[in-house]
N, C-alpha and C. Protein backbone atom coordinates (compact mmCIF):
# COMPACT_ATOMS: atom_id res chain seq x y z
N MET A 1 26.15 84.22 1.99
CA MET A 1 25.20 85.30 1.84
C MET A 1 25.90 86.64 1.89
N ILE A 2 25.79 87.41 0.84
CA ILE A 2 26.46 88.70 0.82
C ILE A 2 25.86 89.68 1.80
N SER A 3 24.56 89.58 2.04
CA SER A 3 23.95 90.48 3.01
C SER A 3 24.61 90.29 4.37
N ASP A 4 24.83 89.03 4.77
CA ASP A 4 25.51 88.77 6.02
C ASP A 4 26.90 89.38 6.02
N LYS A 5 27.59 89.26 4.90
CA LYS A 5 28.92 89.85 4.78
C LYS A 5 28.84 91.37 4.89
N MET A 6 27.80 91.94 4.29
CA MET A 6 27.66 93.40 4.37
C MET A 6 27.35 93.84 5.80
N TYR A 7 26.53 93.07 6.50
CA TYR A 7 26.25 93.41 7.91
C TYR A 7 27.54 93.33 8.73
N LEU A 8 28.36 92.32 8.46
CA LEU A 8 29.65 92.20 9.17
C LEU A 8 30.58 93.35 8.81
N GLU A 9 30.61 93.71 7.53
CA GLU A 9 31.45 94.83 7.09
C GLU A 9 31.02 96.11 7.81
N ALA A 10 29.73 96.32 7.90
CA ALA A 10 29.21 97.51 8.59
C ALA A 10 29.63 97.48 10.06
N GLU A 11 29.49 96.32 10.69
CA GLU A 11 29.86 96.20 12.10
C GLU A 11 31.34 96.51 12.32
N LYS A 12 32.20 95.96 11.45
CA LYS A 12 33.64 96.21 11.56
C LYS A 12 33.98 97.68 11.38
N ALA A 13 33.21 98.36 10.53
CA ALA A 13 33.45 99.79 10.27
C ALA A 13 32.79 100.68 11.32
N GLY A 14 32.09 100.06 12.27
CA GLY A 14 31.44 100.85 13.31
C GLY A 14 30.12 101.46 12.89
N VAL A 15 29.55 100.96 11.80
CA VAL A 15 28.26 101.45 11.33
C VAL A 15 27.16 100.71 12.09
N ILE A 16 26.27 101.47 12.69
CA ILE A 16 25.16 100.87 13.43
C ILE A 16 23.97 100.72 12.49
N ILE A 17 23.43 99.50 12.43
CA ILE A 17 22.28 99.23 11.56
C ILE A 17 21.06 98.94 12.42
N ASP A 18 19.98 99.65 12.11
CA ASP A 18 18.72 99.45 12.81
C ASP A 18 17.66 99.04 11.79
N CYS A 19 17.15 97.84 11.94
CA CYS A 19 16.12 97.32 11.02
C CYS A 19 14.71 97.48 11.57
N THR A 20 14.56 98.26 12.65
CA THR A 20 13.24 98.44 13.25
C THR A 20 12.63 99.80 12.95
N VAL A 21 13.34 100.63 12.21
CA VAL A 21 12.82 101.97 11.91
C VAL A 21 11.70 101.89 10.88
N LYS A 22 10.84 102.88 10.88
CA LYS A 22 9.74 102.94 9.92
C LYS A 22 10.09 103.96 8.84
N LEU A 23 10.33 103.46 7.63
CA LEU A 23 10.69 104.30 6.49
C LEU A 23 9.86 103.89 5.28
N PRO A 24 8.55 104.08 5.34
CA PRO A 24 7.69 103.58 4.26
C PRO A 24 7.94 104.21 2.90
N GLU A 25 8.45 105.42 2.86
CA GLU A 25 8.69 106.10 1.58
C GLU A 25 10.04 105.74 0.98
N THR A 26 11.09 105.82 1.78
CA THR A 26 12.45 105.61 1.27
C THR A 26 12.97 104.19 1.47
N LYS A 27 12.42 103.48 2.44
CA LYS A 27 12.77 102.11 2.80
C LYS A 27 14.10 102.00 3.53
N SER A 28 15.02 102.94 3.29
CA SER A 28 16.31 102.91 3.98
C SER A 28 16.91 104.31 4.00
N VAL A 29 17.85 104.50 4.91
CA VAL A 29 18.50 105.81 5.04
C VAL A 29 19.85 105.59 5.71
N SER A 30 20.79 106.48 5.42
CA SER A 30 22.07 106.45 6.14
C SER A 30 22.34 107.85 6.66
N LEU A 31 22.95 107.91 7.83
CA LEU A 31 23.22 109.18 8.48
C LEU A 31 24.62 109.19 9.06
N ASN A 32 25.22 110.35 9.06
CA ASN A 32 26.49 110.56 9.73
C ASN A 32 26.26 111.67 10.74
N ILE A 33 26.24 111.30 12.02
CA ILE A 33 26.00 112.26 13.08
C ILE A 33 27.23 112.29 13.96
N ASP A 34 27.93 113.43 13.93
CA ASP A 34 29.16 113.58 14.72
C ASP A 34 30.14 112.44 14.48
N ASP A 35 30.34 112.09 13.22
CA ASP A 35 31.25 111.02 12.80
C ASP A 35 30.82 109.63 13.26
N ASN A 36 29.57 109.48 13.64
CA ASN A 36 28.99 108.17 13.93
C ASN A 36 28.03 107.86 12.79
N MET A 37 28.20 106.68 12.18
CA MET A 37 27.38 106.34 11.02
C MET A 37 26.28 105.36 11.40
N PHE A 38 25.11 105.62 10.83
CA PHE A 38 23.94 104.81 11.10
C PHE A 38 23.25 104.47 9.79
N ILE A 39 22.71 103.27 9.72
CA ILE A 39 21.86 102.87 8.60
C ILE A 39 20.54 102.40 9.18
N GLY A 40 19.47 102.94 8.63
CA GLY A 40 18.14 102.49 9.01
C GLY A 40 17.53 101.74 7.84
N ILE A 41 17.01 100.56 8.09
CA ILE A 41 16.36 99.75 7.05
C ILE A 41 14.99 99.32 7.57
N ASP A 42 13.97 99.66 6.83
CA ASP A 42 12.61 99.25 7.20
C ASP A 42 12.35 97.91 6.53
N ASP A 43 12.70 96.85 7.23
CA ASP A 43 12.57 95.52 6.62
C ASP A 43 11.11 95.08 6.46
N LYS A 44 10.20 95.83 7.06
CA LYS A 44 8.77 95.50 6.91
C LYS A 44 8.24 95.89 5.53
N VAL A 45 8.90 96.84 4.85
CA VAL A 45 8.42 97.28 3.53
C VAL A 45 9.25 96.72 2.38
N MET A 46 10.28 95.98 2.70
CA MET A 46 11.09 95.35 1.65
C MET A 46 10.28 94.21 1.03
N GLN A 47 10.16 94.22 -0.28
CA GLN A 47 9.37 93.21 -0.97
C GLN A 47 10.12 91.89 -1.14
N THR A 48 11.44 91.98 -1.32
CA THR A 48 12.25 90.79 -1.59
C THR A 48 13.61 90.90 -0.91
N ARG A 49 14.28 89.77 -0.83
CA ARG A 49 15.66 89.76 -0.32
C ARG A 49 16.56 90.59 -1.23
N ALA A 50 16.32 90.52 -2.52
CA ALA A 50 17.11 91.30 -3.48
C ALA A 50 16.98 92.79 -3.18
N GLU A 51 15.78 93.24 -2.88
CA GLU A 51 15.57 94.66 -2.57
C GLU A 51 16.32 95.05 -1.30
N GLU A 52 16.28 94.20 -0.30
CA GLU A 52 17.02 94.48 0.94
C GLU A 52 18.52 94.57 0.66
N ARG A 53 19.04 93.64 -0.13
CA ARG A 53 20.47 93.64 -0.46
C ARG A 53 20.87 94.93 -1.16
N VAL A 54 20.05 95.37 -2.12
CA VAL A 54 20.35 96.58 -2.87
C VAL A 54 20.33 97.79 -1.94
N HIS A 55 19.32 97.88 -1.09
CA HIS A 55 19.24 99.01 -0.16
C HIS A 55 20.41 99.02 0.81
N LEU A 56 20.72 97.85 1.37
CA LEU A 56 21.82 97.77 2.32
C LEU A 56 23.14 98.16 1.65
N ALA A 57 23.40 97.64 0.47
CA ALA A 57 24.66 97.96 -0.23
C ALA A 57 24.73 99.45 -0.56
N HIS A 58 23.62 100.03 -0.98
CA HIS A 58 23.60 101.46 -1.30
C HIS A 58 23.89 102.30 -0.05
N GLU A 59 23.19 102.00 1.05
CA GLU A 59 23.40 102.78 2.28
C GLU A 59 24.80 102.56 2.83
N LEU A 60 25.29 101.34 2.74
CA LEU A 60 26.67 101.08 3.15
C LEU A 60 27.64 101.86 2.28
N GLY A 61 27.29 102.02 1.01
CA GLY A 61 28.11 102.84 0.10
C GLY A 61 28.23 104.27 0.58
N HIS A 62 27.13 104.83 1.08
CA HIS A 62 27.20 106.18 1.65
C HIS A 62 28.19 106.22 2.81
N CYS A 63 28.08 105.22 3.69
CA CYS A 63 28.93 105.20 4.88
C CYS A 63 30.40 104.94 4.55
N MET A 64 30.66 103.97 3.70
CA MET A 64 32.05 103.59 3.43
C MET A 64 32.79 104.61 2.56
N THR A 65 32.06 105.38 1.78
CA THR A 65 32.72 106.40 0.94
C THR A 65 32.60 107.80 1.53
N GLY A 66 31.88 107.93 2.62
CA GLY A 66 31.68 109.26 3.21
C GLY A 66 30.78 110.14 2.37
N ALA A 67 29.98 109.54 1.53
CA ALA A 67 29.13 110.28 0.59
C ALA A 67 27.78 110.62 1.23
N PHE A 68 27.79 111.66 2.05
CA PHE A 68 26.57 112.11 2.72
C PHE A 68 26.20 113.50 2.24
N TYR A 69 24.95 113.85 2.40
CA TYR A 69 24.48 115.21 2.13
C TYR A 69 23.36 115.53 3.09
N SER A 70 23.00 116.79 3.16
CA SER A 70 21.89 117.20 4.00
C SER A 70 20.70 117.53 3.12
N LEU A 71 19.57 117.74 3.75
CA LEU A 71 18.37 118.14 3.00
C LEU A 71 18.58 119.46 2.27
N TYR A 72 19.55 120.22 2.72
CA TYR A 72 19.79 121.54 2.15
C TYR A 72 20.91 121.55 1.11
N SER A 73 21.45 120.39 0.81
CA SER A 73 22.51 120.30 -0.20
C SER A 73 21.95 120.64 -1.57
N PRO A 74 22.77 121.26 -2.41
CA PRO A 74 22.32 121.53 -3.78
C PRO A 74 22.10 120.22 -4.55
N ILE A 75 21.26 120.27 -5.54
CA ILE A 75 20.90 119.09 -6.33
C ILE A 75 22.14 118.41 -6.92
N ASP A 76 23.10 119.20 -7.45
CA ASP A 76 24.27 118.59 -8.07
C ASP A 76 25.10 117.81 -7.05
N ASN A 77 25.15 118.25 -5.80
CA ASN A 77 25.87 117.52 -4.77
C ASN A 77 25.14 116.22 -4.43
N ARG A 78 23.82 116.27 -4.38
CA ARG A 78 23.05 115.05 -4.11
C ARG A 78 23.30 114.00 -5.18
N GLY A 79 23.30 114.43 -6.43
CA GLY A 79 23.56 113.50 -7.53
C GLY A 79 24.93 112.87 -7.41
N TYR A 80 25.92 113.67 -7.03
CA TYR A 80 27.29 113.17 -6.88
C TYR A 80 27.38 112.11 -5.78
N VAL A 81 26.80 112.39 -4.61
CA VAL A 81 26.92 111.43 -3.51
C VAL A 81 26.06 110.19 -3.75
N GLU A 82 24.92 110.35 -4.41
CA GLU A 82 24.11 109.18 -4.75
C GLU A 82 24.86 108.28 -5.74
N ARG A 83 25.54 108.90 -6.70
CA ARG A 83 26.32 108.11 -7.67
C ARG A 83 27.43 107.35 -6.95
N LYS A 84 28.13 108.00 -6.02
CA LYS A 84 29.19 107.31 -5.27
C LYS A 84 28.63 106.10 -4.52
N ALA A 85 27.48 106.28 -3.89
CA ALA A 85 26.87 105.17 -3.15
C ALA A 85 26.43 104.06 -4.10
N ASN A 86 25.89 104.45 -5.25
CA ASN A 86 25.46 103.45 -6.24
C ASN A 86 26.63 102.66 -6.81
N VAL A 87 27.71 103.35 -7.12
CA VAL A 87 28.89 102.67 -7.67
C VAL A 87 29.46 101.69 -6.64
N TYR A 88 29.52 102.11 -5.38
CA TYR A 88 29.97 101.22 -4.33
C TYR A 88 29.09 99.97 -4.30
N ALA A 89 27.78 100.18 -4.33
CA ALA A 89 26.82 99.06 -4.27
C ALA A 89 26.97 98.14 -5.47
N ILE A 90 27.13 98.71 -6.65
CA ILE A 90 27.30 97.91 -7.86
C ILE A 90 28.54 97.02 -7.73
N LYS A 91 29.65 97.61 -7.33
CA LYS A 91 30.88 96.84 -7.20
C LYS A 91 30.79 95.80 -6.10
N LYS A 92 30.02 96.08 -5.07
CA LYS A 92 29.86 95.15 -3.96
C LYS A 92 29.00 93.94 -4.35
N LEU A 93 27.96 94.18 -5.15
CA LEU A 93 26.99 93.13 -5.43
C LEU A 93 27.19 92.42 -6.76
N ILE A 94 27.85 93.07 -7.71
CA ILE A 94 27.96 92.49 -9.06
C ILE A 94 29.41 92.54 -9.51
N ASN A 95 30.04 91.40 -9.52
CA ASN A 95 31.43 91.31 -9.97
C ASN A 95 31.47 91.49 -11.48
N GLU A 96 32.25 92.45 -11.93
CA GLU A 96 32.31 92.77 -13.36
C GLU A 96 32.77 91.59 -14.21
N ASP A 97 33.79 90.88 -13.79
CA ASP A 97 34.28 89.74 -14.57
C ASP A 97 33.24 88.64 -14.67
N GLU A 98 32.58 88.35 -13.57
CA GLU A 98 31.54 87.33 -13.57
C GLU A 98 30.39 87.74 -14.49
N LEU A 99 30.00 89.00 -14.42
CA LEU A 99 28.93 89.51 -15.27
C LEU A 99 29.28 89.34 -16.74
N LYS A 100 30.49 89.72 -17.11
CA LYS A 100 30.91 89.61 -18.51
C LYS A 100 30.98 88.16 -18.97
N LYS A 101 31.41 87.26 -18.10
CA LYS A 101 31.45 85.84 -18.46
C LYS A 101 30.06 85.29 -18.71
N ILE A 102 29.14 85.67 -17.86
CA ILE A 102 27.76 85.19 -18.02
C ILE A 102 27.15 85.72 -19.31
N ILE A 103 27.37 86.99 -19.59
CA ILE A 103 26.82 87.59 -20.81
C ILE A 103 27.44 86.95 -22.05
N LYS A 104 28.73 86.67 -21.98
CA LYS A 104 29.40 86.04 -23.11
C LYS A 104 28.88 84.61 -23.33
N LYS A 105 28.68 83.89 -22.23
CA LYS A 105 28.23 82.51 -22.32
C LYS A 105 26.78 82.43 -22.79
N TYR A 106 25.94 83.31 -22.28
CA TYR A 106 24.51 83.32 -22.60
C TYR A 106 24.18 84.67 -23.21
N ASN A 107 24.57 84.88 -24.45
CA ASN A 107 24.47 86.21 -25.05
C ASN A 107 23.05 86.74 -25.17
N ASP A 108 22.06 85.91 -24.99
CA ASP A 108 20.68 86.38 -25.06
C ASP A 108 20.01 86.39 -23.67
N ILE A 109 20.82 86.42 -22.62
CA ILE A 109 20.28 86.41 -21.26
C ILE A 109 19.55 87.73 -20.98
N SER A 110 18.44 87.62 -20.28
CA SER A 110 17.62 88.80 -20.01
C SER A 110 18.07 89.52 -18.73
N VAL A 111 17.62 90.74 -18.58
CA VAL A 111 17.93 91.52 -17.39
C VAL A 111 17.40 90.82 -16.14
N TRP A 112 16.19 90.31 -16.22
CA TRP A 112 15.63 89.66 -15.03
C TRP A 112 16.41 88.41 -14.65
N GLU A 113 16.94 87.68 -15.64
CA GLU A 113 17.75 86.50 -15.33
C GLU A 113 19.07 86.90 -14.68
N LEU A 114 19.67 87.98 -15.18
CA LEU A 114 20.89 88.47 -14.54
C LEU A 114 20.61 88.94 -13.12
N ALA A 115 19.51 89.66 -12.95
CA ALA A 115 19.13 90.15 -11.62
C ALA A 115 18.92 88.98 -10.66
N GLU A 116 18.27 87.96 -11.14
CA GLU A 116 18.04 86.78 -10.32
C GLU A 116 19.36 86.11 -9.94
N HIS A 117 20.27 85.99 -10.91
CA HIS A 117 21.58 85.37 -10.65
C HIS A 117 22.35 86.12 -9.56
N PHE A 118 22.35 87.44 -9.63
CA PHE A 118 23.12 88.25 -8.68
C PHE A 118 22.32 88.64 -7.43
N GLU A 119 21.07 88.20 -7.36
CA GLU A 119 20.19 88.52 -6.23
C GLU A 119 20.05 90.02 -6.01
N VAL A 120 19.73 90.72 -7.10
CA VAL A 120 19.48 92.16 -7.04
C VAL A 120 18.17 92.44 -7.77
N THR A 121 17.71 93.67 -7.67
CA THR A 121 16.49 94.04 -8.39
C THR A 121 16.79 94.28 -9.87
N GLU A 122 15.77 94.21 -10.68
CA GLU A 122 15.97 94.46 -12.11
C GLU A 122 16.44 95.89 -12.36
N ASP A 123 15.88 96.86 -11.65
CA ASP A 123 16.31 98.25 -11.83
C ASP A 123 17.79 98.41 -11.48
N PHE A 124 18.20 97.77 -10.41
CA PHE A 124 19.61 97.83 -10.01
C PHE A 124 20.49 97.16 -11.07
N MET A 125 20.02 96.04 -11.61
CA MET A 125 20.78 95.34 -12.65
C MET A 125 20.95 96.24 -13.86
N ARG A 126 19.89 96.95 -14.25
CA ARG A 126 20.00 97.88 -15.39
C ARG A 126 21.04 98.97 -15.11
N MET A 127 21.04 99.49 -13.88
CA MET A 127 22.00 100.51 -13.51
C MET A 127 23.42 99.94 -13.58
N ALA A 128 23.60 98.71 -13.12
CA ALA A 128 24.92 98.07 -13.15
C ALA A 128 25.38 97.85 -14.59
N LEU A 129 24.48 97.40 -15.44
CA LEU A 129 24.83 97.20 -16.85
C LEU A 129 25.25 98.51 -17.50
N GLU A 130 24.52 99.56 -17.19
CA GLU A 130 24.89 100.88 -17.73
C GLU A 130 26.26 101.30 -17.21
N TYR A 131 26.48 101.08 -15.92
CA TYR A 131 27.77 101.46 -15.33
C TYR A 131 28.93 100.69 -15.97
N TYR A 132 28.80 99.38 -16.09
CA TYR A 132 29.89 98.56 -16.61
C TYR A 132 30.09 98.66 -18.11
N PHE A 133 29.03 98.94 -18.86
CA PHE A 133 29.16 98.90 -20.31
C PHE A 133 29.04 100.25 -21.01
N ALA A 134 28.70 101.30 -20.29
CA ALA A 134 28.55 102.60 -20.93
C ALA A 134 29.65 103.59 -20.53
N ARG A 135 30.69 103.08 -19.91
CA ARG A 135 31.77 104.01 -19.52
C ARG A 135 32.87 104.06 -20.52
């Protein structure tokens, strides 16, 4: 289970994860307070395991890359740090070589089938496809 691996990775990096917080709007958040990193995940609002995996990988991406911002950060900075967290999550959850092999083998495979294979959301799968094939 990659989620278990991600929880272990967070623990090794000293990232504290709290799954009891209430985050009905965002579902997850990451914070860096005095060089201490925290991830909050509202597991009560997660619809699927895939959604939890995507949120955890994204928030871990903020922590592992140091890509944080404040509410007062300019929009362009927010976009930059969100992209860094997303790229980290994509690389963590979807192996590029495996993705290309599957697409080559099943050239008419749908986004939802790919998402199901990698245990991610369809929106995340679309973002990963754009990242891997539009660069």
